[in-house]
Amino acid sequence: MNAPDNSPDLILTARWLVCDNLTPILSDHGVAIKDGKITEIAPLAELMQTHRGVNIVGDNRYALMPGFVNAHHHSFGVSSIMRV
């Protein structure tokens, strides 16, 4: 039986990695992605050593941060259910 392939599909890298407001901004780190999900965050050199041959996307000209979701909407102030 073959062992499962745990290698990421790609590694994203940037000069700065912003995780959240509780974690300091990381430098020279990478984010390993497998099947569209983050599997590992570590220093880039460590990821490159552990996952040789995986495609690396990005360089030191970028910042990598979470996507921002703007979930607000515009309405007429009163829904049609609330109107009498």
N, C-alpha and C. Protein backbone atom coordinates (compact mmCIF):
# COMPACT_ATOMS: atom_id res chain seq x y z
N MET A 1 0.84 -1.17 0.00
CA MET A 1 0.00 0.00 0.00
C MET A 1 0.89 1.24 0.00
N ASN A 2 0.55 2.23 -0.83
CA ASN A 2 1.33 3.45 -0.93
C ASN A 2 0.92 4.44 0.16
N ALA A 3 1.92 5.15 0.68
CA ALA A 3 1.64 6.21 1.66
C ALA A 3 0.98 7.38 0.95
N PRO A 4 0.08 8.10 1.61
CA PRO A 4 -0.57 9.24 0.98
C PRO A 4 0.46 10.33 0.68
N ASP A 5 0.25 11.04 -0.42
CA ASP A 5 1.14 12.13 -0.82
C ASP A 5 0.72 13.38 -0.06
N ASN A 6 1.53 13.78 0.90
CA ASN A 6 1.22 14.97 1.70
C ASN A 6 1.91 16.22 1.18
N SER A 7 2.56 16.12 0.02
CA SER A 7 3.23 17.29 -0.53
C SER A 7 2.21 18.33 -0.95
N PRO A 8 2.51 19.60 -0.68
CA PRO A 8 1.58 20.65 -1.12
C PRO A 8 1.57 20.77 -2.63
N ASP A 9 0.50 21.35 -3.15
CA ASP A 9 0.40 21.63 -4.59
C ASP A 9 1.28 22.81 -4.96
N LEU A 10 1.40 23.77 -4.04
CA LEU A 10 2.25 24.93 -4.26
C LEU A 10 2.56 25.60 -2.95
N ILE A 11 3.57 26.46 -2.99
CA ILE A 11 3.95 27.25 -1.82
C ILE A 11 3.86 28.72 -2.23
N LEU A 12 3.10 29.49 -1.46
CA LEU A 12 3.01 30.93 -1.68
C LEU A 12 4.02 31.61 -0.78
N THR A 13 4.71 32.61 -1.31
CA THR A 13 5.69 33.32 -0.51
C THR A 13 5.60 34.81 -0.77
N ALA A 14 6.03 35.59 0.20
CA ALA A 14 6.02 37.04 0.08
C ALA A 14 7.04 37.60 1.07
N ARG A 15 7.33 38.87 0.92
CA ARG A 15 8.26 39.51 1.85
C ARG A 15 7.67 39.55 3.26
N TRP A 16 6.37 39.82 3.33
CA TRP A 16 5.68 39.87 4.62
C TRP A 16 4.47 38.95 4.57
N LEU A 17 4.24 38.24 5.65
CA LEU A 17 3.07 37.38 5.80
C LEU A 17 2.28 37.88 6.99
N VAL A 18 1.06 38.35 6.72
CA VAL A 18 0.19 38.88 7.76
C VAL A 18 -0.85 37.80 8.05
N CYS A 19 -0.87 37.29 9.27
CA CYS A 19 -1.81 36.22 9.63
C CYS A 19 -3.07 36.77 10.26
N ASP A 20 -2.93 37.50 11.35
CA ASP A 20 -4.06 38.11 12.04
C ASP A 20 -3.52 39.21 12.94
N ASN A 21 -4.41 39.85 13.69
CA ASN A 21 -3.97 40.97 14.51
C ASN A 21 -3.27 40.53 15.80
N LEU A 22 -3.21 39.24 16.09
CA LEU A 22 -2.55 38.74 17.29
C LEU A 22 -1.15 38.19 17.02
N THR A 23 -0.85 37.95 15.75
CA THR A 23 0.42 37.35 15.37
C THR A 23 1.31 38.41 14.74
N PRO A 24 2.57 38.50 15.16
CA PRO A 24 3.47 39.46 14.51
C PRO A 24 3.59 39.17 13.01
N ILE A 25 3.85 40.20 12.24
CA ILE A 25 4.06 40.03 10.80
C ILE A 25 5.31 39.18 10.60
N LEU A 26 5.21 38.15 9.79
CA LEU A 26 6.31 37.23 9.56
C LEU A 26 7.06 37.63 8.29
N SER A 27 8.37 37.48 8.30
CA SER A 27 9.19 37.74 7.12
C SER A 27 9.81 36.44 6.64
N ASP A 28 10.01 36.35 5.34
CA ASP A 28 10.66 35.19 4.72
C ASP A 28 9.99 33.88 5.09
N HIS A 29 8.69 33.87 5.08
CA HIS A 29 7.90 32.67 5.35
C HIS A 29 7.14 32.26 4.09
N GLY A 30 6.61 31.08 4.11
CA GLY A 30 5.80 30.58 3.02
C GLY A 30 4.54 29.91 3.55
N VAL A 31 3.58 29.76 2.67
CA VAL A 31 2.31 29.12 2.99
C VAL A 31 2.14 27.94 2.03
N ALA A 32 2.11 26.75 2.57
CA ALA A 32 1.91 25.55 1.75
C ALA A 32 0.42 25.34 1.53
N ILE A 33 0.04 25.08 0.28
CA ILE A 33 -1.36 24.91 -0.11
C ILE A 33 -1.53 23.52 -0.74
N LYS A 34 -2.53 22.78 -0.26
CA LYS A 34 -2.88 21.49 -0.87
C LYS A 34 -4.39 21.43 -1.02
N ASP A 35 -4.83 21.12 -2.21
CA ASP A 35 -6.26 21.03 -2.52
C ASP A 35 -7.01 22.30 -2.09
N GLY A 36 -6.36 23.46 -2.29
CA GLY A 36 -7.00 24.74 -2.00
C GLY A 36 -7.03 25.12 -0.53
N LYS A 37 -6.36 24.36 0.33
CA LYS A 37 -6.37 24.64 1.76
C LYS A 37 -4.95 24.83 2.28
N ILE A 38 -4.81 25.73 3.24
CA ILE A 38 -3.51 25.94 3.87
C ILE A 38 -3.18 24.72 4.73
N THR A 39 -2.00 24.16 4.48
CA THR A 39 -1.59 22.99 5.26
C THR A 39 -0.43 23.29 6.20
N GLU A 40 0.32 24.37 5.90
CA GLU A 40 1.50 24.65 6.71
C GLU A 40 1.95 26.09 6.48
N ILE A 41 2.39 26.74 7.55
CA ILE A 41 3.05 28.04 7.48
C ILE A 41 4.37 27.88 8.20
N ALA A 42 5.46 28.21 7.51
CA ALA A 42 6.79 28.00 8.08
C ALA A 42 7.79 28.90 7.36
N PRO A 43 8.99 29.04 7.89
CA PRO A 43 10.03 29.77 7.15
C PRO A 43 10.20 29.16 5.75
N LEU A 44 10.37 30.02 4.76
CA LEU A 44 10.45 29.56 3.38
C LEU A 44 11.56 28.54 3.18
N ALA A 45 12.72 28.78 3.77
CA ALA A 45 13.85 27.84 3.61
C ALA A 45 13.47 26.44 4.11
N GLU A 46 12.73 26.40 5.21
CA GLU A 46 12.30 25.11 5.76
C GLU A 46 11.31 24.41 4.83
N LEU A 47 10.35 25.18 4.28
CA LEU A 47 9.38 24.58 3.36
C LEU A 47 10.07 24.07 2.09
N MET A 48 11.03 24.84 1.59
CA MET A 48 11.74 24.43 0.37
C MET A 48 12.55 23.16 0.63
N GLN A 49 13.11 23.01 1.81
CA GLN A 49 13.88 21.82 2.16
C GLN A 49 12.97 20.61 2.31
N THR A 50 11.83 20.81 2.97
CA THR A 50 10.90 19.72 3.24
C THR A 50 10.15 19.28 1.99
N HIS A 51 9.81 20.22 1.13
CA HIS A 51 8.98 19.93 -0.05
C HIS A 51 9.72 20.29 -1.33
N ARG A 52 10.78 19.58 -1.58
CA ARG A 52 11.61 19.85 -2.78
C ARG A 52 10.79 19.64 -4.06
N GLY A 53 10.98 20.57 -4.98
CA GLY A 53 10.34 20.43 -6.29
C GLY A 53 8.94 21.00 -6.38
N VAL A 54 8.38 21.49 -5.28
CA VAL A 54 7.04 22.07 -5.30
C VAL A 54 7.12 23.48 -5.89
N ASN A 55 6.16 23.84 -6.72
CA ASN A 55 6.13 25.15 -7.35
C ASN A 55 5.98 26.25 -6.30
N ILE A 56 6.85 27.27 -6.37
CA ILE A 56 6.81 28.40 -5.45
C ILE A 56 6.32 29.62 -6.21
N VAL A 57 5.29 30.28 -5.67
CA VAL A 57 4.68 31.45 -6.30
C VAL A 57 4.87 32.65 -5.40
N GLY A 58 5.40 33.74 -5.96
CA GLY A 58 5.60 34.97 -5.21
C GLY A 58 7.07 35.28 -5.04
N ASP A 59 7.36 36.44 -4.48
CA ASP A 59 8.74 36.83 -4.17
C ASP A 59 8.72 37.96 -3.15
N ASN A 60 9.86 38.60 -2.94
CA ASN A 60 9.96 39.58 -1.87
C ASN A 60 9.39 40.95 -2.21
N ARG A 61 8.66 41.07 -3.31
CA ARG A 61 8.01 42.34 -3.65
C ARG A 61 6.57 42.39 -3.13
N TYR A 62 6.11 41.34 -2.48
CA TYR A 62 4.70 41.24 -2.13
C TYR A 62 4.47 41.10 -0.64
N ALA A 63 3.22 41.35 -0.25
CA ALA A 63 2.74 41.02 1.09
C ALA A 63 1.62 40.01 0.91
N LEU A 64 1.58 39.04 1.75
CA LEU A 64 0.55 37.99 1.69
C LEU A 64 -0.32 38.14 2.93
N MET A 65 -1.62 38.32 2.73
CA MET A 65 -2.53 38.52 3.85
C MET A 65 -3.85 37.85 3.57
N PRO A 66 -4.66 37.64 4.63
CA PRO A 66 -5.96 37.00 4.43
C PRO A 66 -6.84 37.81 3.51
N GLY A 67 -7.75 37.14 2.83
CA GLY A 67 -8.71 37.84 2.00
C GLY A 67 -9.67 38.62 2.88
N PHE A 68 -10.06 39.76 2.40
CA PHE A 68 -11.01 40.58 3.15
C PHE A 68 -12.39 40.36 2.57
N VAL A 69 -13.34 40.09 3.43
CA VAL A 69 -14.71 39.84 2.99
C VAL A 69 -15.57 41.01 3.42
N ASN A 70 -16.23 41.63 2.47
CA ASN A 70 -17.12 42.74 2.76
C ASN A 70 -18.54 42.20 2.64
N ALA A 71 -19.13 41.84 3.77
CA ALA A 71 -20.42 41.15 3.75
C ALA A 71 -21.60 42.11 3.96
N HIS A 72 -21.37 43.39 3.81
CA HIS A 72 -22.49 44.32 4.01
C HIS A 72 -23.33 44.41 2.74
N HIS A 73 -24.51 44.96 2.87
CA HIS A 73 -25.36 45.16 1.70
C HIS A 73 -26.11 46.47 1.87
N HIS A 74 -26.64 46.97 0.78
CA HIS A 74 -27.44 48.19 0.81
C HIS A 74 -28.90 47.80 0.67
N SER A 75 -29.74 48.37 1.50
CA SER A 75 -31.16 48.09 1.40
C SER A 75 -31.90 49.42 1.50
N PHE A 76 -33.18 49.35 1.49
CA PHE A 76 -33.98 50.56 1.55
C PHE A 76 -34.23 50.99 2.99
N GLY A 77 -33.59 50.35 3.95
CA GLY A 77 -33.74 50.73 5.34
C GLY A 77 -34.85 49.96 6.04
N VAL A 78 -35.89 49.61 5.35
CA VAL A 78 -36.99 48.85 5.91
C VAL A 78 -37.32 47.74 4.92
N SER A 79 -37.35 46.52 5.41
CA SER A 79 -37.67 45.42 4.51
C SER A 79 -39.14 45.43 4.14
N SER A 80 -39.48 44.75 3.07
CA SER A 80 -40.88 44.69 2.65
C SER A 80 -41.75 43.99 3.68
N ILE A 81 -41.15 43.13 4.51
CA ILE A 81 -41.90 42.44 5.56
C ILE A 81 -42.29 43.41 6.66
N MET A 82 -41.43 44.41 6.92
CA MET A 82 -41.69 45.36 8.00
C MET A 82 -42.70 46.45 7.60
N ARG A 83 -42.96 46.62 6.32
CA ARG A 83 -43.87 47.67 5.87
C ARG A 83 -45.30 47.29 6.18
N VAL A 84 -46.08 48.25 6.58
CA VAL A 84 -47.49 47.99 6.91
C VAL A 84 -48.37 48.57 5.83
